[in-house]
N, C-alpha and C. Protein backbone atom coordinates (compact mmCIF):
# COMPACT_ATOMS: atom_id res chain seq x y z
N UNK A 1 -7.18 9.69 -29.91
CA UNK A 1 -7.58 10.97 -29.37
C UNK A 1 -6.89 12.10 -30.14
N UNK A 2 -5.61 11.92 -30.46
CA UNK A 2 -4.92 12.97 -31.21
C UNK A 2 -5.48 13.09 -32.63
N UNK A 3 -6.02 11.98 -33.14
CA UNK A 3 -6.61 12.04 -34.48
C UNK A 3 -7.83 12.96 -34.46
N UNK A 4 -8.62 12.85 -33.41
CA UNK A 4 -9.81 13.71 -33.30
C UNK A 4 -9.42 15.17 -33.16
N UNK A 5 -8.40 15.45 -32.38
CA UNK A 5 -7.94 16.84 -32.21
C UNK A 5 -7.41 17.37 -33.54
N UNK A 6 -6.59 16.54 -34.23
CA UNK A 6 -6.05 16.96 -35.53
C UNK A 6 -7.18 17.21 -36.53
N UNK A 7 -8.15 16.30 -36.55
CA UNK A 7 -9.30 16.47 -37.43
C UNK A 7 -10.02 17.78 -37.13
N UNK A 8 -10.21 18.07 -35.85
CA UNK A 8 -10.89 19.31 -35.47
C UNK A 8 -10.11 20.54 -35.88
N UNK A 9 -8.79 20.51 -35.72
CA UNK A 9 -8.00 21.68 -36.09
C UNK A 9 -7.95 21.88 -37.60
N UNK A 10 -7.82 20.80 -38.37
CA UNK A 10 -7.77 20.94 -39.84
C UNK A 10 -9.08 21.49 -40.35
N UNK A 11 -10.20 20.90 -39.90
CA UNK A 11 -11.49 21.39 -40.39
C UNK A 11 -11.85 22.74 -39.77
N UNK A 12 -11.35 22.98 -38.56
CA UNK A 12 -11.59 24.30 -37.96
C UNK A 12 -10.87 25.39 -38.73
N UNK A 13 -9.68 25.09 -39.22
CA UNK A 13 -8.94 26.06 -40.02
C UNK A 13 -9.69 26.36 -41.31
N UNK A 14 -10.29 25.32 -41.91
CA UNK A 14 -10.99 25.53 -43.18
C UNK A 14 -12.33 26.22 -42.99
N UNK A 15 -13.06 25.87 -41.96
CA UNK A 15 -14.43 26.37 -41.86
C UNK A 15 -14.66 27.27 -40.65
N UNK A 16 -13.62 27.73 -40.01
CA UNK A 16 -13.79 28.63 -38.89
C UNK A 16 -13.51 27.94 -37.57
N UNK A 17 -13.62 28.68 -36.51
CA UNK A 17 -13.24 28.21 -35.19
C UNK A 17 -14.29 27.27 -34.59
N UNK A 18 -15.46 27.22 -35.16
CA UNK A 18 -16.56 26.44 -34.56
C UNK A 18 -16.27 24.96 -34.42
N UNK A 19 -15.64 24.36 -35.44
CA UNK A 19 -15.38 22.92 -35.37
C UNK A 19 -14.28 22.59 -34.37
N UNK A 20 -13.34 23.49 -34.18
CA UNK A 20 -12.30 23.25 -33.18
C UNK A 20 -12.93 23.21 -31.80
N UNK A 21 -13.80 24.16 -31.52
CA UNK A 21 -14.43 24.18 -30.21
C UNK A 21 -15.36 22.99 -30.05
N UNK A 22 -16.03 22.55 -31.13
CA UNK A 22 -16.91 21.39 -31.00
C UNK A 22 -16.10 20.12 -30.78
N UNK A 23 -14.91 20.01 -31.38
CA UNK A 23 -14.10 18.82 -31.14
C UNK A 23 -13.59 18.81 -29.71
N UNK A 24 -13.28 19.99 -29.16
CA UNK A 24 -12.85 20.05 -27.77
C UNK A 24 -14.00 19.72 -26.82
N UNK A 25 -15.21 20.11 -27.20
CA UNK A 25 -16.38 19.75 -26.38
C UNK A 25 -16.58 18.24 -26.39
N UNK A 26 -16.32 17.60 -27.52
CA UNK A 26 -16.42 16.14 -27.58
C UNK A 26 -15.34 15.47 -26.75
N UNK A 27 -14.17 16.07 -26.69
CA UNK A 27 -13.07 15.48 -25.93
C UNK A 27 -13.21 15.69 -24.43
N UNK A 28 -13.91 16.73 -24.02
CA UNK A 28 -13.99 17.06 -22.60
C UNK A 28 -14.57 15.94 -21.75
N UNK A 29 -15.71 15.30 -22.13
CA UNK A 29 -16.22 14.21 -21.30
C UNK A 29 -15.25 13.02 -21.25
N UNK A 30 -14.56 12.77 -22.36
CA UNK A 30 -13.61 11.66 -22.37
C UNK A 30 -12.45 11.93 -21.42
N UNK A 31 -11.92 13.15 -21.45
CA UNK A 31 -10.83 13.49 -20.53
C UNK A 31 -11.28 13.48 -19.08
N UNK A 32 -12.51 13.93 -18.85
CA UNK A 32 -13.05 13.90 -17.49
C UNK A 32 -13.18 12.47 -17.00
N UNK A 33 -13.68 11.60 -17.87
CA UNK A 33 -13.83 10.18 -17.49
C UNK A 33 -12.47 9.56 -17.19
N UNK A 34 -11.47 9.86 -18.01
CA UNK A 34 -10.14 9.31 -17.78
C UNK A 34 -9.54 9.81 -16.47
N UNK A 35 -9.73 11.09 -16.18
CA UNK A 35 -9.17 11.62 -14.94
C UNK A 35 -9.90 11.05 -13.73
N UNK A 36 -11.21 10.87 -13.83
CA UNK A 36 -11.95 10.29 -12.70
C UNK A 36 -11.57 8.84 -12.48
N UNK A 37 -11.37 8.08 -13.56
CA UNK A 37 -10.99 6.68 -13.38
C UNK A 37 -9.58 6.59 -12.80
N UNK A 38 -8.69 7.49 -13.20
CA UNK A 38 -7.34 7.49 -12.61
C UNK A 38 -7.41 7.86 -11.14
N UNK A 39 -8.26 8.82 -10.80
CA UNK A 39 -8.42 9.19 -9.38
C UNK A 39 -9.02 8.04 -8.60
N UNK A 40 -9.97 7.33 -9.21
CA UNK A 40 -10.57 6.18 -8.54
C UNK A 40 -9.56 5.08 -8.28
N UNK A 41 -8.68 4.85 -9.22
CA UNK A 41 -7.63 3.85 -9.01
C UNK A 41 -6.68 4.28 -7.90
N UNK A 42 -6.40 5.58 -7.83
CA UNK A 42 -5.53 6.07 -6.76
C UNK A 42 -6.17 5.88 -5.39
N UNK A 43 -7.47 6.16 -5.29
CA UNK A 43 -8.17 5.98 -4.02
C UNK A 43 -8.22 4.51 -3.65
N UNK A 44 -8.45 3.64 -4.63
CA UNK A 44 -8.49 2.21 -4.35
C UNK A 44 -7.14 1.71 -3.86
N UNK A 45 -6.06 2.24 -4.42
CA UNK A 45 -4.73 1.83 -3.98
C UNK A 45 -4.45 2.30 -2.56
N UNK A 46 -4.90 3.50 -2.23
CA UNK A 46 -4.69 4.01 -0.87
C UNK A 46 -5.51 3.21 0.13
N UNK A 47 -6.76 2.89 -0.21
CA UNK A 47 -7.61 2.12 0.70
C UNK A 47 -7.05 0.72 0.89
N UNK A 48 -6.54 0.12 -0.18
CA UNK A 48 -5.99 -1.24 -0.06
C UNK A 48 -4.70 -1.26 0.75
N UNK A 49 -4.03 -0.11 0.87
CA UNK A 49 -2.76 -0.06 1.57
C UNK A 49 -2.92 0.37 3.03
N UNK A 50 -4.14 0.48 3.49
CA UNK A 50 -4.35 0.91 4.89
C UNK A 50 -3.82 -0.15 5.85
N UNK A 51 -3.13 0.26 6.92
CA UNK A 51 -2.53 -0.71 7.83
C UNK A 51 -3.54 -1.39 8.74
N UNK A 52 -4.76 -0.85 8.89
CA UNK A 52 -5.70 -1.48 9.80
C UNK A 52 -6.45 -2.64 9.17
N UNK A 53 -6.20 -2.92 7.92
CA UNK A 53 -6.83 -4.07 7.26
C UNK A 53 -5.96 -5.32 7.45
N UNK A 54 -6.62 -6.46 7.44
CA UNK A 54 -5.88 -7.72 7.58
C UNK A 54 -5.04 -7.95 6.33
N UNK A 55 -3.86 -8.53 6.48
CA UNK A 55 -3.04 -8.79 5.29
C UNK A 55 -3.73 -9.79 4.36
N UNK A 56 -3.45 -9.66 3.08
CA UNK A 56 -4.11 -10.50 2.09
C UNK A 56 -3.65 -11.94 2.16
N UNK A 57 -2.41 -12.19 2.50
CA UNK A 57 -1.91 -13.55 2.55
C UNK A 57 -1.03 -13.73 3.78
N UNK A 58 -0.86 -14.97 4.24
CA UNK A 58 -0.02 -15.17 5.42
C UNK A 58 1.43 -14.75 5.20
N UNK A 59 1.91 -14.82 3.97
CA UNK A 59 3.29 -14.42 3.74
C UNK A 59 3.47 -12.91 3.89
N UNK A 60 2.38 -12.15 3.76
CA UNK A 60 2.46 -10.70 3.91
C UNK A 60 2.34 -10.27 5.37
N UNK A 61 2.02 -11.22 6.25
CA UNK A 61 1.86 -10.88 7.67
C UNK A 61 3.22 -10.58 8.29
N UNK A 62 3.24 -9.67 9.26
CA UNK A 62 4.52 -9.39 9.93
C UNK A 62 4.95 -10.60 10.77
N UNK A 63 6.23 -10.74 11.02
CA UNK A 63 6.69 -11.91 11.78
C UNK A 63 6.14 -11.86 13.21
N UNK A 64 5.92 -13.03 13.76
CA UNK A 64 5.40 -13.14 15.12
C UNK A 64 6.46 -12.66 16.11
N UNK A 65 6.03 -12.10 17.24
CA UNK A 65 7.01 -11.66 18.24
C UNK A 65 7.74 -12.86 18.83
N UNK A 66 8.96 -12.68 19.33
CA UNK A 66 9.69 -13.82 19.89
C UNK A 66 8.98 -14.33 21.15
N UNK A 67 9.11 -15.61 21.44
CA UNK A 67 8.44 -16.15 22.62
C UNK A 67 9.03 -15.55 23.90
N UNK A 68 8.21 -15.50 24.92
CA UNK A 68 8.67 -14.97 26.21
C UNK A 68 9.71 -15.92 26.79
N UNK A 69 10.70 -15.39 27.52
CA UNK A 69 11.70 -16.30 28.10
C UNK A 69 11.05 -17.24 29.12
N UNK A 70 11.57 -18.44 29.16
CA UNK A 70 11.02 -19.45 30.07
C UNK A 70 11.31 -19.04 31.52
N UNK A 71 10.34 -19.29 32.38
CA UNK A 71 10.52 -18.98 33.80
C UNK A 71 11.27 -20.13 34.47
N UNK A 72 12.07 -19.78 35.44
CA UNK A 72 12.82 -20.79 36.18
C UNK A 72 11.84 -21.52 37.12
N UNK A 73 11.70 -22.87 36.96
CA UNK A 73 10.74 -23.58 37.81
C UNK A 73 11.20 -23.63 39.28
N UNK A 74 12.49 -23.42 39.53
CA UNK A 74 13.01 -23.45 40.91
C UNK A 74 13.59 -22.08 41.23
N UNK A 75 12.77 -21.16 41.71
CA UNK A 75 13.31 -19.83 42.03
C UNK A 75 14.29 -19.92 43.19
N UNK A 76 15.23 -18.98 43.26
CA UNK A 76 16.19 -19.02 44.38
C UNK A 76 15.46 -18.80 45.72
N UNK A 77 15.96 -19.46 46.74
CA UNK A 77 15.32 -19.40 48.05
C UNK A 77 15.67 -18.14 48.80
């Protein structure tokens, strides 16, 4: 990407400002695509981290609550 910018600036210096602006126009869709894909990855990470989804593996599940205390089979009279 820096090669394209450097190429645009060198040739823009020799032949006027037109080639610099045309190289930036060529870079704009690429930068937009990169930013959108980065944003998409961020959204995917947030969606995957939602607590209302089932855990991916049993080891990621929270520990089970402790069992209820046993009731006395012979209550006091």
